Amino acid sequence: MELLGLYNYWAYVAILMIGFYAVIAKSNLIKKLIGLSIFQSAVFLLYITMDKVDGGTAPIIQAGVSDQIYSNPLPQVLILTAIVVGISTMALGLAIVVRIKESYGTIEEDQIHLLDQRK
């Protein structure tokens, strides 16, 4: 396998690092949640990439066919479940950020830490 033929893995790494950077470097809580969502999307891409089998078909068993190559449907099912969990996690995170904004008046992490130290 040549290095440029693995473009989907390069895309995975780039998207993962963008999300990781947003989670680590940004102090705005909304930007951190968006970075977490981007990070999660990169993991989805990795799982879907690993699922693809060259020449593989849907796992439908046919009579008289014994040498067929099948693609595994399990990663797709796991990703569908992970998407639902990701959406609910994002909704909960946004609800918590709204409550933080009501309590502290800001959603900047460093300002929240300063306000906590003064109490």
N, C-alpha and C. Protein backbone atom coordinates (compact mmCIF):
# COMPACT_ATOMS: atom_id res chain seq x y z
N MET A 1 0.84 -1.18 0.00
CA MET A 1 0.00 0.00 0.00
C MET A 1 0.88 1.24 0.00
N GLU A 2 0.63 2.10 -0.95
CA GLU A 2 1.42 3.32 -1.00
C GLU A 2 0.85 4.36 -0.04
N LEU A 3 1.70 5.28 0.33
CA LEU A 3 1.34 6.24 1.37
C LEU A 3 0.20 7.17 0.95
N LEU A 4 0.19 7.61 -0.30
CA LEU A 4 -0.86 8.51 -0.74
C LEU A 4 -2.19 7.79 -0.97
N GLY A 5 -2.16 6.47 -1.09
CA GLY A 5 -3.39 5.71 -1.26
C GLY A 5 -4.20 5.60 0.02
N LEU A 6 -3.64 6.02 1.11
CA LEU A 6 -4.32 5.96 2.41
C LEU A 6 -4.87 7.34 2.78
N TYR A 7 -5.46 8.03 1.81
CA TYR A 7 -5.92 9.39 2.03
C TYR A 7 -6.99 9.47 3.12
N ASN A 8 -7.80 8.43 3.27
CA ASN A 8 -8.84 8.48 4.29
C ASN A 8 -8.23 8.46 5.70
N TYR A 9 -7.12 7.79 5.89
CA TYR A 9 -6.45 7.81 7.18
C TYR A 9 -5.81 9.17 7.45
N TRP A 10 -5.28 9.80 6.40
CA TRP A 10 -4.72 11.14 6.54
C TRP A 10 -5.82 12.13 6.91
N ALA A 11 -6.99 11.97 6.28
CA ALA A 11 -8.14 12.83 6.62
C ALA A 11 -8.55 12.60 8.07
N TYR A 12 -8.56 11.34 8.49
CA TYR A 12 -8.88 11.01 9.88
C TYR A 12 -7.95 11.72 10.85
N VAL A 13 -6.66 11.65 10.59
CA VAL A 13 -5.67 12.26 11.48
C VAL A 13 -5.84 13.78 11.50
N ALA A 14 -6.08 14.39 10.33
CA ALA A 14 -6.24 15.84 10.27
C ALA A 14 -7.48 16.29 11.04
N ILE A 15 -8.59 15.62 10.82
CA ILE A 15 -9.83 15.99 11.52
C ILE A 15 -9.69 15.75 13.02
N LEU A 16 -9.05 14.65 13.40
CA LEU A 16 -8.83 14.35 14.81
C LEU A 16 -8.00 15.43 15.48
N MET A 17 -6.93 15.87 14.82
CA MET A 17 -6.06 16.89 15.42
C MET A 17 -6.75 18.25 15.49
N ILE A 18 -7.60 18.58 14.52
CA ILE A 18 -8.36 19.83 14.57
C ILE A 18 -9.29 19.82 15.79
N GLY A 19 -10.00 18.72 15.98
CA GLY A 19 -10.89 18.60 17.13
C GLY A 19 -10.13 18.62 18.44
N PHE A 20 -9.00 17.92 18.49
CA PHE A 20 -8.19 17.88 19.70
C PHE A 20 -7.65 19.27 20.04
N TYR A 21 -7.21 20.01 19.02
CA TYR A 21 -6.72 21.37 19.23
C TYR A 21 -7.82 22.26 19.81
N ALA A 22 -9.02 22.14 19.27
CA ALA A 22 -10.13 22.96 19.75
C ALA A 22 -10.47 22.64 21.20
N VAL A 23 -10.42 21.38 21.57
CA VAL A 23 -10.73 20.99 22.96
C VAL A 23 -9.65 21.49 23.92
N ILE A 24 -8.40 21.41 23.52
CA ILE A 24 -7.30 21.77 24.42
C ILE A 24 -7.03 23.27 24.45
N ALA A 25 -7.01 23.92 23.29
CA ALA A 25 -6.51 25.29 23.21
C ALA A 25 -7.56 26.37 23.44
N LYS A 26 -8.80 26.09 23.17
CA LYS A 26 -9.84 27.13 23.28
C LYS A 26 -10.34 27.24 24.71
N SER A 27 -10.66 28.47 25.12
CA SER A 27 -11.20 28.65 26.47
C SER A 27 -12.71 28.82 26.46
N ASN A 28 -13.30 29.08 25.31
CA ASN A 28 -14.75 29.20 25.19
C ASN A 28 -15.38 27.81 25.26
N LEU A 29 -16.36 27.63 26.12
CA LEU A 29 -16.94 26.30 26.32
C LEU A 29 -17.71 25.80 25.09
N ILE A 30 -18.33 26.71 24.35
CA ILE A 30 -19.03 26.30 23.12
C ILE A 30 -18.03 25.79 22.10
N LYS A 31 -16.91 26.48 21.96
CA LYS A 31 -15.87 26.04 21.02
C LYS A 31 -15.29 24.69 21.44
N LYS A 32 -15.19 24.46 22.73
CA LYS A 32 -14.72 23.16 23.21
C LYS A 32 -15.72 22.05 22.84
N LEU A 33 -17.01 22.33 22.97
CA LEU A 33 -18.01 21.33 22.59
C LEU A 33 -17.99 21.05 21.09
N ILE A 34 -17.80 22.09 20.29
CA ILE A 34 -17.70 21.89 18.84
C ILE A 34 -16.45 21.07 18.51
N GLY A 35 -15.34 21.36 19.19
CA GLY A 35 -14.12 20.58 18.99
C GLY A 35 -14.31 19.12 19.37
N LEU A 36 -15.05 18.88 20.43
CA LEU A 36 -15.35 17.51 20.84
C LEU A 36 -16.19 16.80 19.79
N SER A 37 -17.11 17.51 19.20
CA SER A 37 -17.94 16.94 18.13
C SER A 37 -17.10 16.62 16.90
N ILE A 38 -16.17 17.50 16.56
CA ILE A 38 -15.26 17.24 15.42
C ILE A 38 -14.38 16.03 15.71
N PHE A 39 -13.87 15.95 16.90
CA PHE A 39 -13.05 14.81 17.33
C PHE A 39 -13.84 13.51 17.19
N GLN A 40 -15.08 13.54 17.62
CA GLN A 40 -15.94 12.37 17.54
C GLN A 40 -16.22 11.98 16.09
N SER A 41 -16.39 12.96 15.22
CA SER A 41 -16.61 12.68 13.80
C SER A 41 -15.40 11.99 13.18
N ALA A 42 -14.22 12.36 13.63
CA ALA A 42 -13.01 11.71 13.12
C ALA A 42 -12.98 10.23 13.52
N VAL A 43 -13.41 9.93 14.73
CA VAL A 43 -13.46 8.54 15.17
C VAL A 43 -14.48 7.76 14.33
N PHE A 44 -15.61 8.40 14.01
CA PHE A 44 -16.60 7.76 13.14
C PHE A 44 -15.97 7.43 11.79
N LEU A 45 -15.21 8.37 11.24
CA LEU A 45 -14.56 8.15 9.94
C LEU A 45 -13.60 6.97 10.02
N LEU A 46 -12.87 6.85 11.11
CA LEU A 46 -11.94 5.73 11.26
C LEU A 46 -12.67 4.39 11.27
N TYR A 47 -13.75 4.30 12.03
CA TYR A 47 -14.50 3.05 12.10
C TYR A 47 -15.11 2.68 10.75
N ILE A 48 -15.66 3.66 10.05
CA ILE A 48 -16.25 3.39 8.75
C ILE A 48 -15.18 3.00 7.74
N THR A 49 -13.99 3.61 7.84
CA THR A 49 -12.89 3.26 6.95
C THR A 49 -12.43 1.83 7.17
N MET A 50 -12.39 1.40 8.41
CA MET A 50 -11.95 0.03 8.70
C MET A 50 -12.97 -0.99 8.24
N ASP A 51 -14.22 -0.58 8.09
CA ASP A 51 -15.28 -1.49 7.70
C ASP A 51 -15.19 -1.91 6.24
N LYS A 52 -14.65 -1.06 5.39
CA LYS A 52 -14.64 -1.32 3.96
C LYS A 52 -13.70 -2.47 3.62
N VAL A 53 -14.24 -3.45 2.87
CA VAL A 53 -13.45 -4.59 2.40
C VAL A 53 -13.48 -4.56 0.88
N ASP A 54 -12.31 -4.60 0.23
CA ASP A 54 -12.26 -4.60 -1.23
C ASP A 54 -12.95 -5.83 -1.78
N GLY A 55 -13.93 -5.61 -2.62
CA GLY A 55 -14.67 -6.72 -3.23
C GLY A 55 -15.73 -7.31 -2.33
N GLY A 56 -15.93 -6.74 -1.17
CA GLY A 56 -16.92 -7.26 -0.23
C GLY A 56 -18.32 -6.82 -0.60
N THR A 57 -19.28 -7.65 -0.29
CA THR A 57 -20.68 -7.34 -0.54
C THR A 57 -21.45 -7.37 0.77
N ALA A 58 -22.73 -7.09 0.67
CA ALA A 58 -23.58 -7.16 1.85
C ALA A 58 -23.63 -8.60 2.35
N PRO A 59 -23.68 -8.80 3.66
CA PRO A 59 -23.66 -10.17 4.21
C PRO A 59 -25.01 -10.87 4.06
N ILE A 60 -25.37 -11.14 2.83
CA ILE A 60 -26.59 -11.89 2.54
C ILE A 60 -26.16 -13.26 2.04
N ILE A 61 -26.47 -14.28 2.81
CA ILE A 61 -26.03 -15.64 2.48
C ILE A 61 -26.93 -16.20 1.40
N GLN A 62 -26.28 -16.71 0.34
CA GLN A 62 -27.01 -17.29 -0.79
C GLN A 62 -26.69 -18.77 -0.89
N ALA A 63 -27.66 -19.53 -1.32
CA ALA A 63 -27.46 -20.98 -1.48
C ALA A 63 -26.49 -21.23 -2.63
N GLY A 64 -25.54 -22.10 -2.41
CA GLY A 64 -24.60 -22.49 -3.45
C GLY A 64 -23.40 -21.59 -3.57
N VAL A 65 -23.33 -20.52 -2.85
CA VAL A 65 -22.19 -19.59 -2.90
C VAL A 65 -21.42 -19.74 -1.60
N SER A 66 -20.16 -20.18 -1.70
CA SER A 66 -19.40 -20.42 -0.48
C SER A 66 -18.13 -19.58 -0.41
N ASP A 67 -17.69 -18.98 -1.50
CA ASP A 67 -16.42 -18.25 -1.48
C ASP A 67 -16.63 -16.73 -1.60
N GLN A 68 -17.76 -16.26 -1.14
CA GLN A 68 -18.08 -14.83 -1.22
C GLN A 68 -17.40 -14.06 -0.09
N ILE A 69 -16.91 -12.86 -0.38
CA ILE A 69 -16.31 -11.99 0.63
C ILE A 69 -17.37 -11.01 1.10
N TYR A 70 -17.57 -10.93 2.41
CA TYR A 70 -18.60 -10.07 2.98
C TYR A 70 -17.98 -8.92 3.76
N SER A 71 -18.66 -7.79 3.75
CA SER A 71 -18.28 -6.66 4.60
C SER A 71 -18.99 -6.82 5.94
N ASN A 72 -18.31 -6.45 6.99
CA ASN A 72 -18.87 -6.58 8.33
C ASN A 72 -19.82 -5.42 8.61
N PRO A 73 -21.09 -5.66 8.93
CA PRO A 73 -22.02 -4.57 9.20
C PRO A 73 -21.95 -4.03 10.63
N LEU A 74 -21.21 -4.68 11.51
CA LEU A 74 -21.17 -4.28 12.91
C LEU A 74 -20.64 -2.86 13.12
N PRO A 75 -19.54 -2.44 12.46
CA PRO A 75 -19.09 -1.06 12.67
C PRO A 75 -20.13 -0.01 12.29
N GLN A 76 -20.91 -0.27 11.26
CA GLN A 76 -21.94 0.69 10.87
C GLN A 76 -23.01 0.81 11.96
N VAL A 77 -23.38 -0.31 12.54
CA VAL A 77 -24.38 -0.30 13.61
C VAL A 77 -23.82 0.43 14.83
N LEU A 78 -22.56 0.20 15.14
CA LEU A 78 -21.94 0.88 16.28
C LEU A 78 -21.86 2.38 16.06
N ILE A 79 -21.57 2.79 14.83
CA ILE A 79 -21.49 4.21 14.52
C ILE A 79 -22.87 4.86 14.62
N LEU A 80 -23.91 4.18 14.17
CA LEU A 80 -25.26 4.74 14.31
C LEU A 80 -25.60 4.97 15.78
N THR A 81 -25.24 4.02 16.61
CA THR A 81 -25.47 4.18 18.05
C THR A 81 -24.62 5.31 18.61
N ALA A 82 -23.38 5.39 18.17
CA ALA A 82 -22.49 6.45 18.67
C ALA A 82 -22.96 7.84 18.23
N ILE A 83 -23.57 7.94 17.06
CA ILE A 83 -24.10 9.23 16.60
C ILE A 83 -25.22 9.68 17.53
N VAL A 84 -26.10 8.77 17.88
CA VAL A 84 -27.20 9.11 18.80
C VAL A 84 -26.65 9.54 20.15
N VAL A 85 -25.68 8.81 20.66
CA VAL A 85 -25.07 9.16 21.95
C VAL A 85 -24.35 10.50 21.84
N GLY A 86 -23.69 10.75 20.72
CA GLY A 86 -22.99 12.01 20.52
C GLY A 86 -23.93 13.20 20.49
N ILE A 87 -25.06 13.04 19.83
CA ILE A 87 -26.04 14.13 19.77
C ILE A 87 -26.60 14.42 21.16
N SER A 88 -26.91 13.37 21.90
CA SER A 88 -27.45 13.60 23.24
C SER A 88 -26.39 14.19 24.17
N THR A 89 -25.16 13.79 24.02
CA THR A 89 -24.07 14.37 24.81
C THR A 89 -23.89 15.85 24.49
N MET A 90 -23.97 16.18 23.20
CA MET A 90 -23.85 17.57 22.79
C MET A 90 -25.00 18.41 23.36
N ALA A 91 -26.21 17.87 23.33
CA ALA A 91 -27.36 18.59 23.88
C ALA A 91 -27.21 18.81 25.38
N LEU A 92 -26.75 17.80 26.09
CA LEU A 92 -26.53 17.94 27.53
C LEU A 92 -25.42 18.95 27.81
N GLY A 93 -24.35 18.89 27.04
CA GLY A 93 -23.26 19.86 27.21
C GLY A 93 -23.71 21.28 26.97
N LEU A 94 -24.53 21.50 25.95
CA LEU A 94 -25.05 22.84 25.69
C LEU A 94 -25.97 23.31 26.80
N ALA A 95 -26.77 22.40 27.36
CA ALA A 95 -27.64 22.76 28.48
C ALA A 95 -26.80 23.15 29.70
N ILE A 96 -25.72 22.45 29.94
CA ILE A 96 -24.84 22.78 31.06
C ILE A 96 -24.17 24.13 30.83
N VAL A 97 -23.78 24.41 29.59
CA VAL A 97 -23.16 25.71 29.28
C VAL A 97 -24.16 26.85 29.51
N VAL A 98 -25.42 26.62 29.16
CA VAL A 98 -26.45 27.63 29.41
C VAL A 98 -26.56 27.90 30.92
N ARG A 99 -26.55 26.86 31.73
CA ARG A 99 -26.63 27.04 33.19
C ARG A 99 -25.38 27.74 33.73
N ILE A 100 -24.22 27.43 33.16
CA ILE A 100 -22.98 28.10 33.57
C ILE A 100 -23.06 29.58 33.22
N LYS A 101 -23.57 29.90 32.04
CA LYS A 101 -23.73 31.30 31.63
C LYS A 101 -24.68 32.04 32.57
N GLU A 102 -25.75 31.38 32.99
CA GLU A 102 -26.69 32.01 33.93
C GLU A 102 -26.04 32.23 35.31
N SER A 103 -25.21 31.30 35.74
CA SER A 103 -24.60 31.40 37.07
C SER A 103 -23.41 32.36 37.11
N TYR A 104 -22.54 32.29 36.12
CA TYR A 104 -21.30 33.06 36.13
C TYR A 104 -21.32 34.29 35.24
N GLY A 105 -22.22 34.32 34.28
CA GLY A 105 -22.28 35.45 33.36
C GLY A 105 -21.28 35.37 32.23
N THR A 106 -20.57 34.27 32.11
CA THR A 106 -19.58 34.09 31.05
C THR A 106 -19.47 32.61 30.72
N ILE A 107 -18.92 32.32 29.53
CA ILE A 107 -18.65 30.93 29.15
C ILE A 107 -17.17 30.74 28.83
N GLU A 108 -16.35 31.70 29.25
CA GLU A 108 -14.90 31.59 29.09
C GLU A 108 -14.33 30.84 30.30
N GLU A 109 -13.59 29.80 30.03
CA GLU A 109 -13.11 28.92 31.10
C GLU A 109 -12.20 29.63 32.09
N ASP A 110 -11.29 30.46 31.60
CA ASP A 110 -10.37 31.14 32.51
C ASP A 110 -11.09 32.13 33.43
N GLN A 111 -12.10 32.80 32.91
CA GLN A 111 -12.87 33.72 33.75
C GLN A 111 -13.69 32.97 34.80
N ILE A 112 -14.20 31.79 34.44
CA ILE A 112 -14.94 30.98 35.40
C ILE A 112 -14.03 30.53 36.54
N HIS A 113 -12.78 30.14 36.20
CA HIS A 113 -11.83 29.74 37.23
C HIS A 113 -11.51 30.92 38.16
N LEU A 114 -11.36 32.13 37.61
CA LEU A 114 -11.08 33.30 38.44
C LEU A 114 -12.25 33.60 39.37
N LEU A 115 -13.47 33.48 38.85
CA LEU A 115 -14.64 33.72 39.69
C LEU A 115 -14.77 32.67 40.80
N ASP A 116 -14.39 31.43 40.50
CA ASP A 116 -14.43 30.38 41.52
C ASP A 116 -13.38 30.60 42.61
N GLN A 117 -12.23 31.12 42.25
CA GLN A 117 -11.17 31.35 43.23
C GLN A 117 -11.53 32.48 44.19
N ARG A 118 -12.33 33.44 43.72
CA ARG A 118 -12.72 34.56 44.57
C ARG A 118 -13.75 34.19 45.60
N LYS A 119 -14.48 33.09 45.37
CA LYS A 119 -15.55 32.69 46.30
C LYS A 119 -15.01 32.05 47.55
